[in-house]
Amino acid sequence: MESIDGIATYPMISLLIFFVFFTLLFWWVFTASKSHIKEMGELPLDNDQPINKESYDV
């Protein structure tokens, strides 16, 4: 691996991408509105929408 010129830049680029991604993720988590988070959390439990029985017919 030492014979490849510039091989050390690839780990640095991947570390930078990893750091930027999780920094942006943490920023979104802390700045997202609590009502939006609660609405998305309750979405799987929401039974207000009718079930399309045609899609379940075999």
PDB file of N, CA and C in Angstrom:
ATOM      1  N   MET A   1       0.817  -1.206   0.000  1.00  0.00           N
ATOM      2  CA  MET A   1       0.000   0.000   0.000  1.00  0.00           C
ATOM      3  C   MET A   1       0.860   1.270   0.000  1.00  0.00           C
ATOM      4  N   GLU A   2       2.054   1.169   0.522  1.00  0.00           N
ATOM      5  CA  GLU A   2       2.909   2.351   0.558  1.00  0.00           C
ATOM      6  C   GLU A   2       3.362   2.767  -0.832  1.00  0.00           C
ATOM      7  N   SER A   3       3.292   1.857  -1.786  1.00  0.00           N
ATOM      8  CA  SER A   3       3.761   2.179  -3.128  1.00  0.00           C
ATOM      9  C   SER A   3       2.766   3.021  -3.917  1.00  0.00           C
ATOM     10  N   ILE A   4       1.534   3.139  -3.433  1.00  0.00           N
ATOM     11  CA  ILE A   4       0.523   3.934  -4.136  1.00  0.00           C
ATOM     12  C   ILE A   4       0.653   5.392  -3.694  1.00  0.00           C
ATOM     13  N   ASP A   5       0.863   6.270  -4.659  1.00  0.00           N
ATOM     14  CA  ASP A   5       0.998   7.692  -4.341  1.00  0.00           C
ATOM     15  C   ASP A   5      -0.334   8.265  -3.896  1.00  0.00           C
ATOM     16  N   GLY A   6      -0.320   9.006  -2.812  1.00  0.00           N
ATOM     17  CA  GLY A   6      -1.518   9.686  -2.333  1.00  0.00           C
ATOM     18  C   GLY A   6      -2.512   8.794  -1.619  1.00  0.00           C
ATOM     19  N   ILE A   7      -2.094   7.586  -1.199  1.00  0.00           N
ATOM     20  CA  ILE A   7      -3.021   6.662  -0.543  1.00  0.00           C
ATOM     21  C   ILE A   7      -3.479   7.191   0.822  1.00  0.00           C
ATOM     22  N   ALA A   8      -2.709   8.034   1.449  1.00  0.00           N
ATOM     23  CA  ALA A   8      -3.054   8.557   2.770  1.00  0.00           C
ATOM     24  C   ALA A   8      -4.222   9.542   2.710  1.00  0.00           C
ATOM     25  N   THR A   9      -4.522  10.062   1.536  1.00  0.00           N
ATOM     26  CA  THR A   9      -5.615  11.031   1.449  1.00  0.00           C
ATOM     27  C   THR A   9      -6.981  10.365   1.546  1.00  0.00           C
ATOM     28  N   TYR A  10      -7.108   9.110   1.142  1.00  0.00           N
ATOM     29  CA  TYR A  10      -8.407   8.442   1.178  1.00  0.00           C
ATOM     30  C   TYR A  10      -8.946   8.242   2.602  1.00  0.00           C
ATOM     31  N   PRO A  11      -8.133   7.806   3.562  1.00  0.00           N
ATOM     32  CA  PRO A  11      -8.655   7.729   4.928  1.00  0.00           C
ATOM     33  C   PRO A  11      -9.032   9.095   5.498  1.00  0.00           C
ATOM     34  N   MET A  12      -8.288  10.115   5.129  1.00  0.00           N
ATOM     35  CA  MET A  12      -8.614  11.458   5.622  1.00  0.00           C
ATOM     36  C   MET A  12      -9.926  11.962   5.027  1.00  0.00           C
ATOM     37  N   ILE A  13     -10.146  11.690   3.760  1.00  0.00           N
ATOM     38  CA  ILE A  13     -11.408  12.091   3.111  1.00  0.00           C
ATOM     39  C   ILE A  13     -12.579  11.341   3.731  1.00  0.00           C
ATOM     40  N   SER A  14     -12.415  10.037   3.978  1.00  0.00           N
ATOM     41  CA  SER A  14     -13.510   9.267   4.579  1.00  0.00           C
ATOM     42  C   SER A  14     -13.785   9.726   6.006  1.00  0.00           C
ATOM     43  N   LEU A  15     -12.749  10.069   6.755  1.00  0.00           N
ATOM     44  CA  LEU A  15     -12.945  10.600   8.106  1.00  0.00           C
ATOM     45  C   LEU A  15     -13.664  11.945   8.064  1.00  0.00           C
ATOM     46  N   LEU A  16     -13.310  12.772   7.110  1.00  0.00           N
ATOM     47  CA  LEU A  16     -13.969  14.072   6.966  1.00  0.00           C
ATOM     48  C   LEU A  16     -15.448  13.902   6.610  1.00  0.00           C
ATOM     49  N   ILE A  17     -15.752  13.008   5.685  1.00  0.00           N
ATOM     50  CA  ILE A  17     -17.149  12.754   5.322  1.00  0.00           C
ATOM     51  C   ILE A  17     -17.927  12.225   6.521  1.00  0.00           C
ATOM     52  N   PHE A  18     -17.348  11.283   7.266  1.00  0.00           N
ATOM     53  CA  PHE A  18     -17.973  10.735   8.463  1.00  0.00           C
ATOM     54  C   PHE A  18     -18.245  11.830   9.488  1.00  0.00           C
ATOM     55  N   PHE A  19     -17.256  12.670   9.745  1.00  0.00           N
ATOM     56  CA  PHE A  19     -17.400  13.738  10.737  1.00  0.00           C
ATOM     57  C   PHE A  19     -18.458  14.755  10.321  1.00  0.00           C
ATOM     58  N   VAL A  20     -18.452  15.155   9.060  1.00  0.00           N
ATOM     59  CA  VAL A  20     -19.428  16.142   8.575  1.00  0.00           C
ATOM     60  C   VAL A  20     -20.839  15.567   8.639  1.00  0.00           C
ATOM     61  N   PHE A  21     -21.012  14.309   8.229  1.00  0.00           N
ATOM     62  CA  PHE A  21     -22.326  13.688   8.255  1.00  0.00           C
ATOM     63  C   PHE A  21     -22.900  13.665   9.666  1.00  0.00           C
ATOM     64  N   PHE A  22     -22.124  13.188  10.637  1.00  0.00           N
ATOM     65  CA  PHE A  22     -22.654  13.096  11.990  1.00  0.00           C
ATOM     66  C   PHE A  22     -22.769  14.448  12.666  1.00  0.00           C
ATOM     67  N   THR A  23     -21.951  15.405  12.290  1.00  0.00           N
ATOM     68  CA  THR A  23     -22.117  16.761  12.805  1.00  0.00           C
ATOM     69  C   THR A  23     -23.440  17.345  12.320  1.00  0.00           C
ATOM     70  N   LEU A  24     -23.735  17.172  11.035  1.00  0.00           N
ATOM     71  CA  LEU A  24     -25.012  17.661  10.505  1.00  0.00           C
ATOM     72  C   LEU A  24     -26.193  16.905  11.108  1.00  0.00           C
ATOM     73  N   LEU A  25     -26.032  15.620  11.346  1.00  0.00           N
ATOM     74  CA  LEU A  25     -27.095  14.832  11.965  1.00  0.00           C
ATOM     75  C   LEU A  25     -27.382  15.320  13.388  1.00  0.00           C
ATOM     76  N   PHE A  26     -26.342  15.537  14.172  1.00  0.00           N
ATOM     77  CA  PHE A  26     -26.537  16.053  15.527  1.00  0.00           C
ATOM     78  C   PHE A  26     -27.160  17.439  15.507  1.00  0.00           C
ATOM     79  N   TRP A  27     -26.740  18.279  14.555  1.00  0.00           N
ATOM     80  CA  TRP A  27     -27.319  19.619  14.450  1.00  0.00           C
ATOM     81  C   TRP A  27     -28.816  19.517  14.142  1.00  0.00           C
ATOM     82  N   TRP A  28     -29.206  18.611  13.222  1.00  0.00           N
ATOM     83  CA  TRP A  28     -30.619  18.457  12.880  1.00  0.00           C
ATOM     84  C   TRP A  28     -31.417  17.951  14.079  1.00  0.00           C
ATOM     85  N   VAL A  29     -30.855  17.008  14.828  1.00  0.00           N
ATOM     86  CA  VAL A  29     -31.562  16.451  15.982  1.00  0.00           C
ATOM     87  C   VAL A  29     -31.822  17.527  17.029  1.00  0.00           C
ATOM     88  N   PHE A  30     -30.836  18.370  17.277  1.00  0.00           N
ATOM     89  CA  PHE A  30     -31.001  19.380  18.322  1.00  0.00           C
ATOM     90  C   PHE A  30     -31.813  20.582  17.873  1.00  0.00           C
ATOM     91  N   THR A  31     -31.938  20.823  16.575  1.00  0.00           N
ATOM     92  CA  THR A  31     -32.697  21.982  16.119  1.00  0.00           C
ATOM     93  C   THR A  31     -34.079  21.624  15.581  1.00  0.00           C
ATOM     94  N   ALA A  32     -34.386  20.346  15.430  1.00  0.00           N
ATOM     95  CA  ALA A  32     -35.700  19.948  14.919  1.00  0.00           C
ATOM     96  C   ALA A  32     -36.773  20.293  15.941  1.00  0.00           C
ATOM     97  N   SER A  33     -37.934  20.667  15.452  1.00  0.00           N
ATOM     98  CA  SER A  33     -39.016  21.020  16.364  1.00  0.00           C
ATOM     99  C   SER A  33     -39.524  19.765  17.074  1.00  0.00           C
ATOM    100  N   LYS A  34     -39.825  19.920  18.325  1.00  0.00           N
ATOM    101  CA  LYS A  34     -40.275  18.782  19.130  1.00  0.00           C
ATOM    102  C   LYS A  34     -41.629  18.258  18.642  1.00  0.00           C
ATOM    103  N   SER A  35     -42.464  19.135  18.106  1.00  0.00           N
ATOM    104  CA  SER A  35     -43.764  18.677  17.603  1.00  0.00           C
ATOM    105  C   SER A  35     -43.584  17.794  16.364  1.00  0.00           C
ATOM    106  N   HIS A  36     -42.629  18.130  15.524  1.00  0.00           N
ATOM    107  CA  HIS A  36     -42.353  17.301  14.336  1.00  0.00           C
ATOM    108  C   HIS A  36     -41.827  15.930  14.761  1.00  0.00           C
ATOM    109  N   ILE A  37     -40.935  15.895  15.721  1.00  0.00           N
ATOM    110  CA  ILE A  37     -40.386  14.633  16.214  1.00  0.00           C
ATOM    111  C   ILE A  37     -41.496  13.776  16.822  1.00  0.00           C
ATOM    112  N   LYS A  38     -42.373  14.393  17.588  1.00  0.00           N
ATOM    113  CA  LYS A  38     -43.463  13.642  18.210  1.00  0.00           C
ATOM    114  C   LYS A  38     -44.430  13.114  17.145  1.00  0.00           C
ATOM    115  N   GLU A  39     -44.734  13.937  16.147  1.00  0.00           N
ATOM    116  CA  GLU A  39     -45.637  13.507  15.073  1.00  0.00           C
ATOM    117  C   GLU A  39     -45.046  12.328  14.304  1.00  0.00           C
ATOM    118  N   MET A  40     -43.770  12.375  13.990  1.00  0.00           N
ATOM    119  CA  MET A  40     -43.127  11.276  13.270  1.00  0.00           C
ATOM    120  C   MET A  40     -43.031  10.022  14.141  1.00  0.00           C
ATOM    121  N   GLY A  41     -42.874  10.204  15.446  1.00  0.00           N
ATOM    122  CA  GLY A  41     -42.795   9.063  16.350  1.00  0.00           C
ATOM    123  C   GLY A  41     -44.124   8.343  16.509  1.00  0.00           C
ATOM    124  N   GLU A  42     -45.217   9.080  16.415  1.00  0.00           N
ATOM    125  CA  GLU A  42     -46.539   8.487  16.565  1.00  0.00           C
ATOM    126  C   GLU A  42     -47.119   7.999  15.237  1.00  0.00           C
ATOM    127  N   LEU A  43     -46.448   8.240  14.150  1.00  0.00           N
ATOM    128  CA  LEU A  43     -46.949   7.881  12.832  1.00  0.00           C
ATOM    129  C   LEU A  43     -47.234   6.385  12.681  1.00  0.00           C
ATOM    130  N   PRO A  44     -46.380   5.475  13.164  1.00  0.00           N
ATOM    131  CA  PRO A  44     -46.708   4.047  13.012  1.00  0.00           C
ATOM    132  C   PRO A  44     -47.946   3.627  13.809  1.00  0.00           C
ATOM    133  N   LEU A  45     -48.330   4.398  14.808  1.00  0.00           N
ATOM    134  CA  LEU A  45     -49.468   4.046  15.644  1.00  0.00           C
ATOM    135  C   LEU A  45     -50.757   4.712  15.189  1.00  0.00           C
ATOM    136  N   ASP A  46     -50.674   5.521  14.144  1.00  0.00           N
ATOM    137  CA  ASP A  46     -51.829   6.269  13.662  1.00  0.00           C
ATOM    138  C   ASP A  46     -52.746   5.341  12.874  1.00  0.00           C
ATOM    139  N   ASN A  47     -53.996   5.189  13.341  1.00  0.00           N
ATOM    140  CA  ASN A  47     -54.968   4.318  12.681  1.00  0.00           C
ATOM    141  C   ASN A  47     -56.073   5.108  11.999  1.00  0.00           C
ATOM    142  N   ASP A  48     -55.854   6.385  11.738  1.00  0.00           N
ATOM    143  CA  ASP A  48     -56.892   7.218  11.136  1.00  0.00           C
ATOM    144  C   ASP A  48     -57.054   6.977   9.639  1.00  0.00           C
ATOM    145  N   GLN A  49     -56.068   6.416   8.994  1.00  0.00           N
ATOM    146  CA  GLN A  49     -56.150   6.228   7.560  1.00  0.00           C
ATOM    147  C   GLN A  49     -56.775   4.874   7.242  1.00  0.00           C
ATOM    148  N   PRO A  50     -57.665   4.843   6.249  1.00  0.00           N
ATOM    149  CA  PRO A  50     -58.290   3.565   5.889  1.00  0.00           C
ATOM    150  C   PRO A  50     -57.282   2.616   5.250  1.00  0.00           C
ATOM    151  N   ILE A  51     -57.528   1.350   5.443  1.00  0.00           N
ATOM    152  CA  ILE A  51     -56.666   0.324   4.869  1.00  0.00           C
ATOM    153  C   ILE A  51     -57.179  -0.010   3.475  1.00  0.00           C
ATOM    154  N   ASN A  52     -56.290  -0.019   2.528  1.00  0.00           N
ATOM    155  CA  ASN A  52     -56.638  -0.368   1.159  1.00  0.00           C
ATOM    156  C   ASN A  52     -56.635  -1.888   1.051  1.00  0.00           C
ATOM    157  N   LYS A  53     -57.817  -2.511   1.096  1.00  0.00           N
ATOM    158  CA  LYS A  53     -57.911  -3.964   1.108  1.00  0.00           C
ATOM    159  C   LYS A  53     -57.565  -4.566  -0.254  1.00  0.00           C
ATOM    160  N   GLU A  54     -57.627  -3.790  -1.316  1.00  0.00           N
ATOM    161  CA  GLU A  54     -57.279  -4.304  -2.635  1.00  0.00           C
ATOM    162  C   GLU A  54     -55.819  -4.690  -2.713  1.00  0.00           C
ATOM    163  N   SER A  55     -54.968  -4.012  -1.992  1.00  0.00           N
ATOM    164  CA  SER A  55     -53.550  -4.326  -2.051  1.00  0.00           C
ATOM    165  C   SER A  55     -53.214  -5.599  -1.276  1.00  0.00           C
ATOM    166  N   TYR A  56     -54.134  -6.084  -0.423  1.00  0.00           N
ATOM    167  CA  TYR A  56     -53.896  -7.292   0.349  1.00  0.00           C
ATOM    168  C   TYR A  56     -54.546  -8.528  -0.253  1.00  0.00           C
ATOM    169  N   ASP A  57     -55.350  -8.359  -1.312  1.00  0.00           N
ATOM    170  CA  ASP A  57     -55.976  -9.510  -1.947  1.00  0.00           C
ATOM    171  C   ASP A  57     -54.928 -10.330  -2.684  1.00  0.00           C
ATOM    172  N   VAL A  58     -55.062 -11.634  -2.558  1.00  0.00           N
ATOM    173  CA  VAL A  58     -54.095 -12.531  -3.214  1.00  0.00           C
ATOM    174  C   VAL A  58     -54.691 -13.133  -4.443  1.00  0.00           C
TER     175      VAL A  58
END
